[in-house]
Amino acid sequence: MNSIKLTVKRLYQLRDERMVNSHATARVYVGDTLVATEEITGMTESPVSKYLHAGELTGAVRVEWDCDGIAEITAATLERCPCCQHNEPE
């Protein structure tokens, strides 16, 4: 089974020169097809990942997001489920 590794690299808002929690909505696409929508809340400057299970992936994986503050989010394809086998992104 293929998986998509969704990684939030940065997520926060600046308020009075301080970092505070933020909210983002990430939309993951394979080609032009929307395959997942994830609501993300919190604050991080360290990468946090989540694995989304997918069937056969035909097309490039990409992520778009809307955010109340500052965000950096990536998506990568994995050939097998990371629960069963640890693989590197393609």
C-alpha atoms as a PDB file:
ATOM      1  CA  MET A   1       0.000   0.000   0.000  1.00  0.00           C
ATOM      2  CA  ASN A   2       1.269   3.459  -0.838  1.00  0.00           C
ATOM      3  CA  SER A   3       1.308   6.284   1.683  1.00  0.00           C
ATOM      4  CA  ILE A   4       1.736  10.037   1.655  1.00  0.00           C
ATOM      5  CA  LYS A   5       3.964  11.620   4.281  1.00  0.00           C
ATOM      6  CA  LEU A   6       2.527  15.029   5.211  1.00  0.00           C
ATOM      7  CA  THR A   7       5.086  17.107   7.137  1.00  0.00           C
ATOM      8  CA  VAL A   8       4.448  20.391   8.930  1.00  0.00           C
ATOM      9  CA  LYS A   9       7.866  22.058   9.121  1.00  0.00           C
ATOM     10  CA  ARG A  10       6.709  25.357  10.633  1.00  0.00           C
ATOM     11  CA  LEU A  11       3.386  26.571  11.991  1.00  0.00           C
ATOM     12  CA  TYR A  12       2.821  29.655  14.147  1.00  0.00           C
ATOM     13  CA  GLN A  13       1.450  33.194  14.338  1.00  0.00           C
ATOM     14  CA  LEU A  14       3.320  36.252  15.527  1.00  0.00           C
ATOM     15  CA  ARG A  15       1.481  38.263  18.160  1.00  0.00           C
ATOM     16  CA  ASP A  16       3.258  41.109  19.964  1.00  0.00           C
ATOM     17  CA  GLU A  17       6.578  39.690  18.662  1.00  0.00           C
ATOM     18  CA  ARG A  18       5.828  36.295  20.249  1.00  0.00           C
ATOM     19  CA  MET A  19       5.092  32.991  18.535  1.00  0.00           C
ATOM     20  CA  VAL A  20       1.633  31.618  19.368  1.00  0.00           C
ATOM     21  CA  ASN A  21      -0.571  28.755  18.154  1.00  0.00           C
ATOM     22  CA  SER A  22      -1.903  28.917  14.626  1.00  0.00           C
ATOM     23  CA  HIS A  23      -4.372  27.014  12.451  1.00  0.00           C
ATOM     24  CA  ALA A  24      -3.865  25.683   8.920  1.00  0.00           C
ATOM     25  CA  THR A  25      -5.986  23.718   6.473  1.00  0.00           C
ATOM     26  CA  ALA A  26      -3.837  21.507   4.237  1.00  0.00           C
ATOM     27  CA  ARG A  27      -5.184  20.009   1.013  1.00  0.00           C
ATOM     28  CA  VAL A  28      -3.236  17.077  -0.460  1.00  0.00           C
ATOM     29  CA  TYR A  29      -3.522  16.377  -4.193  1.00  0.00           C
ATOM     30  CA  VAL A  30      -2.370  13.536  -6.405  1.00  0.00           C
ATOM     31  CA  GLY A  31      -2.236  15.093  -9.839  1.00  0.00           C
ATOM     32  CA  ASP A  32      -5.347  17.278  -9.948  1.00  0.00           C
ATOM     33  CA  THR A  33      -7.364  15.041  -7.588  1.00  0.00           C
ATOM     34  CA  LEU A  34      -7.902  16.114  -3.972  1.00  0.00           C
ATOM     35  CA  VAL A  35      -7.188  13.049  -1.811  1.00  0.00           C
ATOM     36  CA  ALA A  36      -7.172  14.505   1.716  1.00  0.00           C
ATOM     37  CA  THR A  37      -7.942  17.620   3.728  1.00  0.00           C
ATOM     38  CA  GLU A  38      -6.233  17.989   7.104  1.00  0.00           C
ATOM     39  CA  GLU A  39      -6.946  20.569   9.824  1.00  0.00           C
ATOM     40  CA  ILE A  40      -3.774  21.407  11.755  1.00  0.00           C
ATOM     41  CA  THR A  41      -3.691  23.456  14.960  1.00  0.00           C
ATOM     42  CA  GLY A  42      -0.755  24.299  17.188  1.00  0.00           C
ATOM     43  CA  MET A  43       2.728  25.696  16.997  1.00  0.00           C
ATOM     44  CA  THR A  44       5.991  24.126  15.816  1.00  0.00           C
ATOM     45  CA  GLU A  45       9.359  25.005  14.347  1.00  0.00           C
ATOM     46  CA  SER A  46      10.394  21.343  14.332  1.00  0.00           C
ATOM     47  CA  PRO A  47       9.056  18.981  11.637  1.00  0.00           C
ATOM     48  CA  VAL A  48       6.001  16.918  12.595  1.00  0.00           C
ATOM     49  CA  SER A  49       4.779  14.228  10.180  1.00  0.00           C
ATOM     50  CA  LYS A  50       1.586  12.292   9.613  1.00  0.00           C
ATOM     51  CA  TYR A  51       1.137   9.362   7.236  1.00  0.00           C
ATOM     52  CA  LEU A  52      -1.930   9.191   5.010  1.00  0.00           C
ATOM     53  CA  HIS A  53      -2.745   5.787   3.523  1.00  0.00           C
ATOM     54  CA  ALA A  54      -3.451   5.803  -0.200  1.00  0.00           C
ATOM     55  CA  GLY A  55      -4.099   3.293  -2.946  1.00  0.00           C
ATOM     56  CA  GLU A  56      -2.245   3.445  -6.220  1.00  0.00           C
ATOM     57  CA  LEU A  57      -0.844   6.934  -6.706  1.00  0.00           C
ATOM     58  CA  THR A  58      -0.826   8.081 -10.316  1.00  0.00           C
ATOM     59  CA  GLY A  59       0.545  11.587 -10.587  1.00  0.00           C
ATOM     60  CA  ALA A  60       2.631  14.012  -8.603  1.00  0.00           C
ATOM     61  CA  VAL A  61       1.785  14.570  -4.936  1.00  0.00           C
ATOM     62  CA  ARG A  62       1.491  18.175  -3.802  1.00  0.00           C
ATOM     63  CA  VAL A  63       0.049  20.111  -0.880  1.00  0.00           C
ATOM     64  CA  GLU A  64      -1.615  23.517  -0.715  1.00  0.00           C
ATOM     65  CA  TRP A  65      -2.629  25.264   2.488  1.00  0.00           C
ATOM     66  CA  ASP A  66      -4.389  28.225   4.041  1.00  0.00           C
ATOM     67  CA  CYS A  67      -3.006  29.504   7.327  1.00  0.00           C
ATOM     68  CA  ASP A  68      -3.726  32.207   9.914  1.00  0.00           C
ATOM     69  CA  GLY A  69       0.012  32.764  10.371  1.00  0.00           C
ATOM     70  CA  ILE A  70       3.253  31.308   9.057  1.00  0.00           C
ATOM     71  CA  ALA A  71       3.359  27.747   7.733  1.00  0.00           C
ATOM     72  CA  GLU A  72       5.588  25.460   5.714  1.00  0.00           C
ATOM     73  CA  ILE A  73       4.064  22.099   4.785  1.00  0.00           C
ATOM     74  CA  THR A  74       5.338  19.380   2.432  1.00  0.00           C
ATOM     75  CA  ALA A  75       4.003  16.090   1.047  1.00  0.00           C
ATOM     76  CA  ALA A  76       5.999  13.119  -0.252  1.00  0.00           C
ATOM     77  CA  THR A  77       5.088   9.699  -1.628  1.00  0.00           C
ATOM     78  CA  LEU A  78       6.181   6.504   0.130  1.00  0.00           C
ATOM     79  CA  GLU A  79       5.933   3.134  -1.614  1.00  0.00           C
ATOM     80  CA  ARG A  80       4.865   1.165   1.454  1.00  0.00           C
ATOM     81  CA  CYS A  81       3.123   1.822   4.724  1.00  0.00           C
ATOM     82  CA  PRO A  82       5.647   3.120   7.290  1.00  0.00           C
ATOM     83  CA  CYS A  83       3.913   1.026   9.959  1.00  0.00           C
ATOM     84  CA  CYS A  84       5.201  -2.094   8.212  1.00  0.00           C
ATOM     85  CA  GLN A  85       8.411  -0.913   6.559  1.00  0.00           C
ATOM     86  CA  HIS A  86      10.493   2.252   6.739  1.00  0.00           C
ATOM     87  CA  ASN A  87      11.080   3.638   3.244  1.00  0.00           C
ATOM     88  CA  GLU A  88      12.596   6.877   2.013  1.00  0.00           C
ATOM     89  CA  PRO A  89      10.482   9.362   0.034  1.00  0.00           C
ATOM     90  CA  GLU A  90      10.582   8.965  -3.742  1.00  0.00           C
END
